[in-house]
């Protein structure tokens, strides 16, 4: 019987011993917790900022793409046949094919909207030179105020500027379309396209 009472006492003593944490266990737990917090604040939380930057870049690409698609659908120059084909502006006459010379292309100094054109009547690529975030979106009903959206109202805190120039070619056969979008975080993203005279 003495053996049984000794084993019960040891078990009871063991139970009493495991009821709390020792000072060493508390210190080790605090060190592990502090290391985990440092890792979270230095590695995980900055990822949230990067997620916002990614969202801004996607919205920037969406804005630039919508403007670029609209520009791309217009004819090359005011003096080019609206249906494309020949004679394109600046084209040499082809008497062997019975084709006359094309009219002169718009000069660098005259790029931009033509006199009397408004946003809904842009009909060639260079009319978009100078378009910005305060410009009306396509088909905005200016007179009634219905659907008079600007790019700034659809893309708040984004800045946009469109520039159209002749692209490093003396014969005026290529126009460089540059759409610059500035995100709310201040990052400037530049989108370029080259439109040929066809």
N, C-alpha and C. Protein backbone atom coordinates (compact mmCIF):
# COMPACT_ATOMS: atom_id res chain seq x y z
N UNK A 1 0.78 -1.19 0.00
CA UNK A 1 0.00 0.00 0.00
C UNK A 1 0.83 1.27 0.00
N UNK A 2 1.96 1.20 0.56
CA UNK A 2 2.80 2.39 0.63
C UNK A 2 3.22 2.84 -0.76
N UNK A 3 3.36 1.90 -1.66
CA UNK A 3 3.75 2.23 -3.02
C UNK A 3 2.64 3.03 -3.71
N UNK A 4 1.42 2.64 -3.48
CA UNK A 4 0.31 3.34 -4.12
C UNK A 4 0.17 4.78 -3.62
N UNK A 5 0.35 5.00 -2.34
CA UNK A 5 0.22 6.36 -1.82
C UNK A 5 1.34 7.25 -2.32
N UNK A 6 2.51 6.70 -2.54
CA UNK A 6 3.63 7.48 -3.07
C UNK A 6 3.37 7.89 -4.51
N UNK A 7 2.85 6.99 -5.31
CA UNK A 7 2.57 7.33 -6.70
C UNK A 7 1.45 8.35 -6.81
N UNK A 8 0.47 8.30 -5.93
CA UNK A 8 -0.60 9.30 -5.94
C UNK A 8 -0.04 10.66 -5.57
N UNK A 9 0.87 10.70 -4.65
CA UNK A 9 1.46 11.97 -4.24
C UNK A 9 2.29 12.56 -5.38
N UNK A 10 3.00 11.73 -6.09
CA UNK A 10 3.80 12.23 -7.23
C UNK A 10 2.89 12.78 -8.32
N UNK A 11 1.81 12.09 -8.58
CA UNK A 11 0.87 12.57 -9.59
C UNK A 11 0.24 13.89 -9.16
N UNK A 12 -0.14 13.97 -7.94
CA UNK A 12 -0.75 15.21 -7.45
C UNK A 12 0.25 16.34 -7.49
N UNK A 13 1.51 16.05 -7.16
CA UNK A 13 2.55 17.07 -7.22
C UNK A 13 2.81 17.51 -8.65
N UNK A 14 2.76 16.59 -9.57
CA UNK A 14 2.96 16.92 -10.98
C UNK A 14 1.84 17.80 -11.49
N UNK A 15 0.62 17.54 -11.06
CA UNK A 15 -0.50 18.36 -11.47
C UNK A 15 -0.37 19.77 -10.93
N UNK A 16 0.08 19.90 -9.74
CA UNK A 16 0.25 21.22 -9.13
C UNK A 16 1.34 21.98 -9.84
N UNK A 17 2.39 21.31 -10.25
CA UNK A 17 3.51 21.95 -10.92
C UNK A 17 3.13 22.51 -12.29
N UNK A 18 2.24 21.94 -13.03
CA UNK A 18 1.90 22.35 -14.39
C UNK A 18 0.72 23.31 -14.45
N UNK A 19 0.30 23.88 -13.37
CA UNK A 19 -0.84 24.78 -13.39
C UNK A 19 -0.51 26.15 -13.97
N UNK A 20 0.72 26.62 -13.99
CA UNK A 20 1.04 27.96 -14.46
C UNK A 20 2.26 27.96 -15.37
N UNK A 21 2.64 29.19 -15.84
CA UNK A 21 3.83 29.36 -16.69
C UNK A 21 4.98 29.81 -15.82
N UNK A 22 6.16 29.39 -16.20
CA UNK A 22 7.33 29.88 -15.49
C UNK A 22 7.75 31.20 -16.10
N UNK A 23 8.61 31.90 -15.43
CA UNK A 23 9.11 33.19 -15.93
C UNK A 23 9.86 33.01 -17.25
N UNK A 24 10.59 31.95 -17.39
CA UNK A 24 11.33 31.67 -18.62
C UNK A 24 10.36 31.45 -19.78
N UNK A 25 9.29 30.71 -19.54
CA UNK A 25 8.30 30.47 -20.59
C UNK A 25 7.63 31.77 -21.03
N UNK A 26 7.34 32.65 -20.10
CA UNK A 26 6.74 33.94 -20.43
C UNK A 26 7.68 34.79 -21.27
N UNK A 27 8.95 34.83 -20.91
CA UNK A 27 9.94 35.63 -21.66
C UNK A 27 10.10 35.06 -23.07
N UNK A 28 10.20 33.75 -23.20
CA UNK A 28 10.33 33.13 -24.52
C UNK A 28 9.09 33.42 -25.36
N UNK A 29 7.91 33.35 -24.77
CA UNK A 29 6.67 33.66 -25.49
C UNK A 29 6.63 35.10 -25.97
N UNK A 30 7.08 36.04 -25.12
CA UNK A 30 7.11 37.46 -25.53
C UNK A 30 8.11 37.70 -26.65
N UNK A 31 9.25 37.02 -26.62
CA UNK A 31 10.25 37.17 -27.68
C UNK A 31 9.69 36.64 -29.00
N UNK A 32 9.05 35.49 -28.98
CA UNK A 32 8.46 34.92 -30.19
C UNK A 32 7.37 35.84 -30.73
N UNK A 33 6.52 36.36 -29.86
CA UNK A 33 5.45 37.26 -30.27
C UNK A 33 6.01 38.55 -30.85
N UNK A 34 7.06 39.10 -30.26
CA UNK A 34 7.65 40.34 -30.78
C UNK A 34 8.30 40.11 -32.14
N UNK A 35 8.94 38.98 -32.34
CA UNK A 35 9.53 38.67 -33.65
C UNK A 35 8.43 38.54 -34.70
N UNK A 36 7.33 37.90 -34.34
CA UNK A 36 6.22 37.75 -35.29
C UNK A 36 5.62 39.11 -35.64
N UNK A 37 5.47 40.01 -34.67
CA UNK A 37 4.93 41.34 -34.95
C UNK A 37 5.87 42.16 -35.83
N UNK A 38 7.17 42.05 -35.59
CA UNK A 38 8.14 42.77 -36.43
C UNK A 38 8.07 42.26 -37.86
N UNK A 39 7.95 40.97 -38.03
CA UNK A 39 7.86 40.42 -39.39
C UNK A 39 6.57 40.87 -40.07
N UNK A 40 5.47 40.91 -39.35
CA UNK A 40 4.21 41.38 -39.94
C UNK A 40 4.31 42.83 -40.37
N UNK A 41 4.83 43.68 -39.50
CA UNK A 41 4.88 45.11 -39.84
C UNK A 41 5.89 45.41 -40.92
N UNK A 42 6.95 44.63 -41.02
CA UNK A 42 7.97 44.94 -42.03
C UNK A 42 7.74 44.22 -43.36
N UNK A 43 6.99 43.15 -43.37
CA UNK A 43 6.83 42.39 -44.61
C UNK A 43 5.39 42.38 -45.14
N UNK A 44 4.43 42.20 -44.29
CA UNK A 44 3.06 42.01 -44.76
C UNK A 44 2.33 43.33 -44.97
N UNK A 45 2.43 44.25 -44.03
CA UNK A 45 1.68 45.50 -44.12
C UNK A 45 2.10 46.36 -45.31
N UNK A 46 3.38 46.45 -45.68
CA UNK A 46 3.73 47.23 -46.89
C UNK A 46 3.12 46.66 -48.17
N UNK A 47 2.74 45.40 -48.17
CA UNK A 47 2.10 44.82 -49.35
C UNK A 47 0.77 45.49 -49.66
N UNK A 48 0.11 46.02 -48.63
CA UNK A 48 -1.17 46.71 -48.85
C UNK A 48 -0.96 47.95 -49.71
N UNK A 49 0.15 48.67 -49.49
CA UNK A 49 0.46 49.84 -50.32
C UNK A 49 0.71 49.43 -51.76
N UNK A 50 1.40 48.33 -51.94
CA UNK A 50 1.68 47.86 -53.30
C UNK A 50 0.40 47.43 -54.01
N UNK A 51 -0.54 46.91 -53.27
CA UNK A 51 -1.82 46.53 -53.88
C UNK A 51 -2.54 47.77 -54.41
N UNK A 52 -2.47 48.87 -53.67
CA UNK A 52 -3.09 50.11 -54.13
C UNK A 52 -2.39 50.63 -55.39
N UNK A 53 -1.06 50.54 -55.42
CA UNK A 53 -0.32 50.97 -56.61
C UNK A 53 -0.73 50.15 -57.83
N UNK A 54 -0.89 48.86 -57.64
CA UNK A 54 -1.30 47.99 -58.74
C UNK A 54 -2.69 48.39 -59.24
N UNK A 55 -3.59 48.68 -58.34
CA UNK A 55 -4.93 49.12 -58.73
C UNK A 55 -4.87 50.43 -59.52
N UNK A 56 -4.02 51.36 -59.07
CA UNK A 56 -3.87 52.63 -59.80
C UNK A 56 -3.33 52.39 -61.21
N UNK A 57 -2.39 51.47 -61.33
CA UNK A 57 -1.82 51.18 -62.66
C UNK A 57 -2.86 50.55 -63.58
N UNK A 58 -3.68 49.70 -63.05
CA UNK A 58 -4.73 49.07 -63.86
C UNK A 58 -5.73 50.12 -64.32
N UNK A 59 -6.15 51.01 -63.42
CA UNK A 59 -7.09 52.08 -63.80
C UNK A 59 -6.45 53.02 -64.82
N UNK A 60 -5.15 53.27 -64.66
CA UNK A 60 -4.43 54.12 -65.61
C UNK A 60 -4.44 53.48 -67.00
N UNK A 61 -4.17 52.19 -67.06
CA UNK A 61 -4.17 51.49 -68.34
C UNK A 61 -5.56 51.48 -68.96
N UNK A 62 -6.58 51.35 -68.12
CA UNK A 62 -7.96 51.37 -68.61
C UNK A 62 -8.29 52.72 -69.24
N UNK A 63 -7.91 53.80 -68.58
CA UNK A 63 -8.16 55.14 -69.09
C UNK A 63 -7.41 55.37 -70.40
N UNK A 64 -6.11 55.07 -70.41
CA UNK A 64 -5.31 55.28 -71.62
C UNK A 64 -5.81 54.41 -72.77
N UNK A 65 -6.18 53.19 -72.47
CA UNK A 65 -6.66 52.27 -73.51
C UNK A 65 -7.96 52.77 -74.14
N UNK A 66 -8.85 53.30 -73.32
CA UNK A 66 -10.13 53.78 -73.88
C UNK A 66 -9.90 54.98 -74.80
N UNK A 67 -9.01 55.89 -74.39
CA UNK A 67 -8.71 57.05 -75.23
C UNK A 67 -7.97 56.62 -76.50
N UNK A 68 -7.00 55.72 -76.34
CA UNK A 68 -6.21 55.26 -77.48
C UNK A 68 -7.09 54.53 -78.50
N UNK A 69 -8.02 53.73 -78.04
CA UNK A 69 -8.94 53.04 -78.96
C UNK A 69 -9.77 54.02 -79.76
N UNK A 70 -10.24 55.05 -79.10
CA UNK A 70 -11.05 56.06 -79.79
C UNK A 70 -10.22 56.77 -80.85
N UNK A 71 -8.99 57.15 -80.50
CA UNK A 71 -8.11 57.84 -81.44
C UNK A 71 -7.79 56.93 -82.62
N UNK A 72 -7.50 55.68 -82.32
CA UNK A 72 -7.09 54.73 -83.36
C UNK A 72 -8.18 54.53 -84.41
N UNK A 73 -9.43 54.73 -84.03
CA UNK A 73 -10.54 54.55 -84.96
C UNK A 73 -10.76 55.71 -85.91
N UNK A 74 -10.01 56.79 -85.76
CA UNK A 74 -10.18 57.97 -86.62
C UNK A 74 -9.21 57.91 -87.79
N UNK A 75 -9.50 58.69 -88.82
CA UNK A 75 -8.62 58.72 -89.99
C UNK A 75 -7.30 59.41 -89.63
N UNK A 76 -6.30 59.21 -90.47
CA UNK A 76 -4.96 59.70 -90.19
C UNK A 76 -4.89 61.22 -90.15
N UNK A 77 -5.50 61.88 -91.12
CA UNK A 77 -5.36 63.33 -91.24
C UNK A 77 -6.65 63.92 -91.79
N UNK A 78 -6.82 65.20 -91.56
CA UNK A 78 -7.99 65.92 -92.07
C UNK A 78 -8.05 65.83 -93.59
N UNK A 79 -6.89 65.79 -94.24
CA UNK A 79 -6.82 65.78 -95.70
C UNK A 79 -6.71 64.38 -96.29
N UNK A 80 -7.06 63.38 -95.51
CA UNK A 80 -7.07 62.00 -95.99
C UNK A 80 -8.51 61.57 -96.22
N UNK A 81 -8.70 60.74 -97.22
CA UNK A 81 -10.03 60.22 -97.51
C UNK A 81 -10.62 59.57 -96.25
N UNK A 82 -11.85 59.92 -95.87
CA UNK A 82 -12.44 59.35 -94.65
C UNK A 82 -12.54 57.83 -94.67
N UNK A 83 -12.59 57.24 -95.84
CA UNK A 83 -12.70 55.79 -95.93
C UNK A 83 -11.35 55.11 -96.10
N UNK A 84 -10.27 55.86 -95.93
CA UNK A 84 -8.94 55.29 -96.12
C UNK A 84 -8.62 55.16 -97.59
N UNK A 85 -7.68 54.34 -97.90
CA UNK A 85 -7.34 54.11 -99.30
C UNK A 85 -6.52 55.23 -99.88
N UNK A 86 -6.58 55.38 -101.19
CA UNK A 86 -5.76 56.37 -101.88
C UNK A 86 -6.66 57.43 -102.47
N UNK A 87 -6.19 58.61 -102.68
CA UNK A 87 -4.85 59.04 -102.29
C UNK A 87 -4.83 59.51 -100.84
N UNK A 88 -3.86 59.05 -100.10
CA UNK A 88 -3.65 59.51 -98.73
C UNK A 88 -3.00 60.89 -98.79
N UNK A 89 -3.11 61.63 -97.71
CA UNK A 89 -2.49 62.96 -97.73
C UNK A 89 -0.99 62.81 -97.95
N UNK A 90 -0.43 63.71 -98.71
CA UNK A 90 1.00 63.68 -99.01
C UNK A 90 1.41 62.64 -100.03
N UNK A 91 0.47 61.92 -100.61
CA UNK A 91 0.80 60.87 -101.58
C UNK A 91 1.23 61.48 -102.91
N UNK A 92 2.20 60.86 -103.51
CA UNK A 92 2.67 61.27 -104.84
C UNK A 92 1.66 60.80 -105.88
N UNK A 93 1.53 61.52 -106.99
CA UNK A 93 0.61 61.05 -108.04
C UNK A 93 1.14 59.76 -108.67
N UNK A 94 0.24 58.89 -109.04
CA UNK A 94 0.61 57.64 -109.72
C UNK A 94 -0.12 57.62 -111.04
N UNK A 95 0.47 58.25 -112.05
CA UNK A 95 -0.18 58.33 -113.37
C UNK A 95 -0.33 56.95 -114.00
N UNK A 96 0.58 56.02 -113.66
CA UNK A 96 0.47 54.67 -114.22
C UNK A 96 -0.79 53.95 -113.71
N UNK A 97 -1.27 54.36 -112.53
CA UNK A 97 -2.50 53.77 -111.98
C UNK A 97 -3.69 54.71 -112.10
N UNK A 98 -3.42 55.91 -112.62
CA UNK A 98 -4.48 56.89 -112.76
C UNK A 98 -4.88 57.55 -111.45
N UNK A 99 -3.93 57.61 -110.50
CA UNK A 99 -4.24 58.20 -109.19
C UNK A 99 -3.64 59.60 -109.09
N UNK A 100 -4.44 60.57 -108.65
CA UNK A 100 -3.91 61.92 -108.48
C UNK A 100 -3.07 62.01 -107.20
N UNK A 101 -2.38 63.12 -107.06
CA UNK A 101 -1.60 63.36 -105.83
C UNK A 101 -2.57 63.62 -104.68
N UNK A 102 -2.16 63.22 -103.49
CA UNK A 102 -2.98 63.50 -102.31
C UNK A 102 -2.79 64.94 -101.86
N UNK A 103 -3.74 65.45 -101.12
CA UNK A 103 -3.60 66.79 -100.54
C UNK A 103 -2.46 66.78 -99.54
N UNK A 104 -1.94 67.96 -99.22
CA UNK A 104 -0.85 68.05 -98.25
C UNK A 104 -1.36 67.66 -96.86
N UNK A 105 -0.52 66.96 -96.08
CA UNK A 105 -0.88 66.60 -94.71
C UNK A 105 -0.82 67.85 -93.83
N UNK A 106 -1.53 67.83 -92.73
CA UNK A 106 -1.51 68.92 -91.77
C UNK A 106 -0.10 69.12 -91.25
N UNK A 107 0.34 70.37 -91.17
CA UNK A 107 1.70 70.65 -90.68
C UNK A 107 1.76 70.49 -89.17
N UNK A 108 2.98 70.34 -88.65
CA UNK A 108 3.19 70.17 -87.21
C UNK A 108 2.56 71.30 -86.41
N UNK A 109 2.66 72.51 -86.89
CA UNK A 109 2.12 73.67 -86.18
C UNK A 109 0.61 73.72 -86.15
N UNK A 110 -0.05 73.00 -87.02
CA UNK A 110 -1.52 73.03 -87.09
C UNK A 110 -2.19 71.78 -86.52
N UNK A 111 -1.42 70.94 -85.82
CA UNK A 111 -2.03 69.76 -85.20
C UNK A 111 -2.95 70.19 -84.07
N UNK A 112 -4.01 69.48 -83.86
CA UNK A 112 -5.00 69.81 -82.84
C UNK A 112 -6.36 69.91 -83.49
N UNK A 113 -7.39 70.23 -82.69
CA UNK A 113 -8.74 70.32 -83.26
C UNK A 113 -8.81 71.41 -84.31
N UNK A 114 -9.53 71.14 -85.38
CA UNK A 114 -9.71 72.13 -86.43
C UNK A 114 -10.72 73.18 -85.97
N UNK A 115 -10.72 74.32 -86.62
CA UNK A 115 -11.63 75.41 -86.25
C UNK A 115 -13.07 74.92 -86.35
N UNK A 116 -13.84 75.16 -85.30
CA UNK A 116 -15.25 74.78 -85.28
C UNK A 116 -15.51 73.37 -84.81
N UNK A 117 -14.47 72.58 -84.56
CA UNK A 117 -14.68 71.21 -84.10
C UNK A 117 -14.85 71.19 -82.58
N UNK A 118 -15.81 70.39 -82.12
CA UNK A 118 -15.92 70.15 -80.69
C UNK A 118 -15.61 68.68 -80.43
N UNK A 119 -15.70 68.28 -79.20
CA UNK A 119 -15.29 66.94 -78.79
C UNK A 119 -16.00 65.84 -79.60
N UNK A 120 -17.26 66.01 -79.90
CA UNK A 120 -18.00 64.98 -80.63
C UNK A 120 -17.74 64.97 -82.13
N UNK A 121 -17.07 65.99 -82.64
CA UNK A 121 -16.83 66.02 -84.09
C UNK A 121 -15.36 65.80 -84.45
N UNK A 122 -14.55 65.34 -83.50
CA UNK A 122 -13.17 64.98 -83.84
C UNK A 122 -13.22 63.89 -84.90
N UNK A 123 -12.48 64.12 -86.01
CA UNK A 123 -12.57 63.15 -87.10
C UNK A 123 -11.22 62.64 -87.59
N UNK A 124 -10.14 63.13 -86.99
CA UNK A 124 -8.83 62.60 -87.36
C UNK A 124 -7.93 62.56 -86.14
N UNK A 125 -6.81 61.85 -86.27
CA UNK A 125 -5.92 61.56 -85.15
C UNK A 125 -5.43 62.82 -84.45
N UNK A 126 -4.99 63.82 -85.21
CA UNK A 126 -4.37 64.98 -84.57
C UNK A 126 -5.37 65.89 -83.85
N UNK A 127 -6.67 65.70 -84.05
CA UNK A 127 -7.66 66.49 -83.31
C UNK A 127 -7.54 66.26 -81.80
N UNK A 128 -7.00 65.13 -81.40
CA UNK A 128 -6.90 64.78 -79.99
C UNK A 128 -5.70 65.43 -79.30
N UNK A 129 -4.86 66.11 -80.04
CA UNK A 129 -3.71 66.79 -79.43
C UNK A 129 -4.23 67.83 -78.44
N UNK A 130 -3.82 67.72 -77.18
CA UNK A 130 -4.26 68.65 -76.15
C UNK A 130 -5.43 68.15 -75.31
N UNK A 131 -5.98 66.98 -75.63
CA UNK A 131 -7.07 66.42 -74.83
C UNK A 131 -6.54 66.15 -73.42
N UNK A 132 -7.34 66.45 -72.38
CA UNK A 132 -6.90 66.18 -71.01
C UNK A 132 -8.07 65.70 -70.16
N UNK A 133 -7.80 65.53 -68.86
CA UNK A 133 -8.81 64.96 -67.97
C UNK A 133 -10.04 65.84 -67.81
N UNK A 134 -9.94 67.12 -68.14
CA UNK A 134 -11.09 68.02 -68.02
C UNK A 134 -11.95 68.03 -69.29
N UNK A 135 -11.51 67.34 -70.32
CA UNK A 135 -12.26 67.28 -71.57
C UNK A 135 -13.50 66.41 -71.40
N UNK A 136 -14.51 66.73 -72.18
CA UNK A 136 -15.71 65.90 -72.16
C UNK A 136 -15.42 64.55 -72.79
N UNK A 137 -16.09 63.54 -72.29
CA UNK A 137 -15.97 62.22 -72.89
C UNK A 137 -16.78 62.20 -74.17
N UNK A 138 -16.54 61.22 -75.00
CA UNK A 138 -17.22 61.12 -76.29
C UNK A 138 -18.73 61.03 -76.09
N UNK A 139 -19.47 61.72 -76.97
CA UNK A 139 -20.93 61.74 -76.97
C UNK A 139 -21.55 62.41 -75.75
N UNK A 140 -20.80 63.29 -75.10
CA UNK A 140 -21.37 64.04 -73.98
C UNK A 140 -22.29 65.11 -74.56
N UNK A 141 -23.48 65.18 -74.06
CA UNK A 141 -24.46 66.16 -74.56
C UNK A 141 -24.19 67.50 -73.88
N UNK A 142 -23.41 68.32 -74.54
CA UNK A 142 -22.97 69.59 -73.97
C UNK A 142 -24.14 70.53 -73.75
N UNK A 143 -25.05 70.61 -74.67
CA UNK A 143 -26.12 71.60 -74.58
C UNK A 143 -27.14 71.26 -73.51
N UNK A 144 -27.45 69.99 -73.33
CA UNK A 144 -28.47 69.62 -72.35
C UNK A 144 -27.89 69.30 -70.99
N UNK A 145 -26.59 69.04 -70.94
CA UNK A 145 -25.97 68.66 -69.67
C UNK A 145 -26.20 67.20 -69.32
N UNK A 146 -26.94 66.49 -70.15
CA UNK A 146 -27.18 65.07 -69.90
C UNK A 146 -25.95 64.29 -70.33
N UNK A 147 -25.48 63.42 -69.47
CA UNK A 147 -24.30 62.60 -69.75
C UNK A 147 -23.09 63.46 -70.13
N UNK A 148 -22.95 64.60 -69.48
CA UNK A 148 -21.82 65.48 -69.75
C UNK A 148 -20.65 65.08 -68.85
N UNK A 149 -20.22 63.84 -68.99
CA UNK A 149 -19.12 63.32 -68.17
C UNK A 149 -17.79 63.80 -68.70
N UNK A 150 -16.90 64.11 -67.78
CA UNK A 150 -15.51 64.38 -68.14
C UNK A 150 -14.69 63.18 -67.69
N UNK A 151 -13.47 63.11 -68.18
CA UNK A 151 -12.59 62.04 -67.73
C UNK A 151 -12.32 62.18 -66.24
N UNK A 152 -12.24 63.43 -65.75
CA UNK A 152 -11.99 63.67 -64.33
C UNK A 152 -13.13 63.16 -63.46
N UNK A 153 -14.37 63.23 -63.95
CA UNK A 153 -15.49 62.73 -63.14
C UNK A 153 -15.53 61.21 -63.12
N UNK A 154 -15.08 60.57 -64.18
CA UNK A 154 -15.07 59.10 -64.23
C UNK A 154 -13.81 58.51 -63.59
N UNK A 155 -12.73 59.28 -63.61
CA UNK A 155 -11.46 58.83 -63.05
C UNK A 155 -10.96 59.90 -62.08
N UNK A 156 -11.59 60.01 -60.89
CA UNK A 156 -11.21 61.07 -59.96
C UNK A 156 -9.75 60.94 -59.53
N UNK A 157 -9.08 62.08 -59.42
CA UNK A 157 -7.69 62.19 -58.98
C UNK A 157 -6.67 61.66 -59.98
N UNK A 158 -7.10 61.32 -61.17
CA UNK A 158 -6.18 60.93 -62.24
C UNK A 158 -6.02 62.12 -63.18
N UNK A 159 -4.81 62.34 -63.65
CA UNK A 159 -4.55 63.38 -64.64
C UNK A 159 -4.22 62.69 -65.95
N UNK A 160 -4.65 63.29 -67.06
CA UNK A 160 -4.40 62.70 -68.37
C UNK A 160 -4.06 63.81 -69.35
N UNK A 161 -3.11 63.54 -70.21
CA UNK A 161 -2.77 64.49 -71.27
C UNK A 161 -2.45 63.70 -72.53
N UNK A 162 -2.99 64.18 -73.66
CA UNK A 162 -2.75 63.53 -74.95
C UNK A 162 -1.94 64.49 -75.82
N UNK A 163 -0.90 63.97 -76.43
CA UNK A 163 -0.09 64.75 -77.37
C UNK A 163 0.04 63.96 -78.66
N UNK A 164 -0.11 64.67 -79.78
CA UNK A 164 0.05 64.04 -81.10
C UNK A 164 1.09 64.85 -81.85
N UNK A 165 2.14 64.17 -82.30
CA UNK A 165 3.22 64.83 -83.06
C UNK A 165 3.60 63.92 -84.22
N UNK A 166 4.37 64.49 -85.15
CA UNK A 166 4.91 63.65 -86.22
C UNK A 166 6.10 62.89 -85.66
N UNK A 167 6.21 61.64 -86.04
CA UNK A 167 7.19 60.74 -85.44
C UNK A 167 8.46 60.64 -86.28
N UNK A 168 9.46 61.43 -85.94
CA UNK A 168 10.82 61.32 -86.49
C UNK A 168 10.87 61.00 -87.97
N UNK A 169 10.02 61.60 -88.73
CA UNK A 169 10.02 61.29 -90.16
C UNK A 169 9.68 62.56 -90.93
N UNK A 170 10.54 62.97 -91.84
CA UNK A 170 10.31 64.25 -92.52
C UNK A 170 9.14 64.24 -93.51
N UNK A 171 8.69 63.06 -93.95
CA UNK A 171 7.63 63.06 -94.96
C UNK A 171 6.22 63.00 -94.36
N UNK A 172 6.08 63.20 -93.07
CA UNK A 172 4.79 63.31 -92.38
C UNK A 172 3.90 62.08 -92.55
N UNK A 173 4.51 60.90 -92.58
CA UNK A 173 3.73 59.68 -92.78
C UNK A 173 3.46 58.89 -91.50
N UNK A 174 3.94 59.38 -90.36
CA UNK A 174 3.68 58.69 -89.09
C UNK A 174 3.42 59.71 -88.00
N UNK A 175 2.39 59.46 -87.21
CA UNK A 175 2.09 60.33 -86.07
C UNK A 175 2.27 59.53 -84.78
N UNK A 176 2.96 60.15 -83.83
CA UNK A 176 3.16 59.55 -82.51
C UNK A 176 2.06 60.05 -81.59
N UNK A 177 1.28 59.13 -81.05
CA UNK A 177 0.22 59.46 -80.11
C UNK A 177 0.74 59.11 -78.72
N UNK A 178 0.80 60.09 -77.83
CA UNK A 178 1.29 59.87 -76.48
C UNK A 178 0.18 60.21 -75.49
N UNK A 179 -0.20 59.24 -74.69
CA UNK A 179 -1.18 59.45 -73.62
C UNK A 179 -0.42 59.30 -72.30
N UNK A 180 -0.36 60.38 -71.53
CA UNK A 180 0.32 60.37 -70.24
C UNK A 180 -0.74 60.41 -69.15
N UNK A 181 -0.72 59.42 -68.27
CA UNK A 181 -1.67 59.35 -67.16
C UNK A 181 -0.89 59.44 -65.86
N UNK A 182 -1.31 60.35 -64.99
CA UNK A 182 -0.72 60.48 -63.66
C UNK A 182 -1.70 59.91 -62.65
N UNK A 183 -1.25 58.93 -61.88
CA UNK A 183 -2.12 58.27 -60.90
C UNK A 183 -2.27 59.14 -59.66
N UNK A 184 -3.23 58.83 -58.79
CA UNK A 184 -3.39 59.61 -57.56
C UNK A 184 -2.15 59.60 -56.67
N UNK A 185 -1.31 58.57 -56.80
CA UNK A 185 -0.08 58.53 -56.00
C UNK A 185 1.05 59.31 -56.65
N UNK A 186 0.80 59.94 -57.80
CA UNK A 186 1.80 60.78 -58.45
C UNK A 186 2.66 60.08 -59.48
N UNK A 187 2.42 58.81 -59.73
CA UNK A 187 3.21 58.07 -60.73
C UNK A 187 2.72 58.43 -62.13
N UNK A 188 3.66 58.84 -62.99
CA UNK A 188 3.33 59.16 -64.38
C UNK A 188 3.59 57.94 -65.25
N UNK A 189 2.57 57.52 -65.97
CA UNK A 189 2.69 56.37 -66.86
C UNK A 189 2.42 56.85 -68.27
N UNK A 190 3.35 56.56 -69.18
CA UNK A 190 3.26 57.05 -70.56
C UNK A 190 2.93 55.88 -71.49
N UNK A 191 1.92 56.09 -72.32
CA UNK A 191 1.50 55.10 -73.31
C UNK A 191 1.71 55.73 -74.69
N UNK A 192 2.35 55.00 -75.59
CA UNK A 192 2.64 55.51 -76.94
C UNK A 192 2.07 54.58 -78.00
N UNK A 193 1.69 55.18 -79.11
CA UNK A 193 1.29 54.42 -80.29
C UNK A 193 1.70 55.23 -81.51
N UNK A 194 2.07 54.54 -82.57
CA UNK A 194 2.44 55.21 -83.81
C UNK A 194 1.37 54.86 -84.85
N UNK A 195 0.81 55.90 -85.44
CA UNK A 195 -0.22 55.71 -86.48
C UNK A 195 0.39 56.07 -87.82
N UNK A 196 0.28 55.16 -88.77
CA UNK A 196 0.83 55.39 -90.11
C UNK A 196 -0.23 55.97 -91.02
N UNK A 197 0.24 56.58 -92.10
CA UNK A 197 -0.63 57.20 -93.09
C UNK A 197 -1.06 56.14 -94.09
N UNK A 198 -2.25 55.61 -93.90
CA UNK A 198 -2.79 54.63 -94.85
C UNK A 198 -4.26 54.88 -95.06
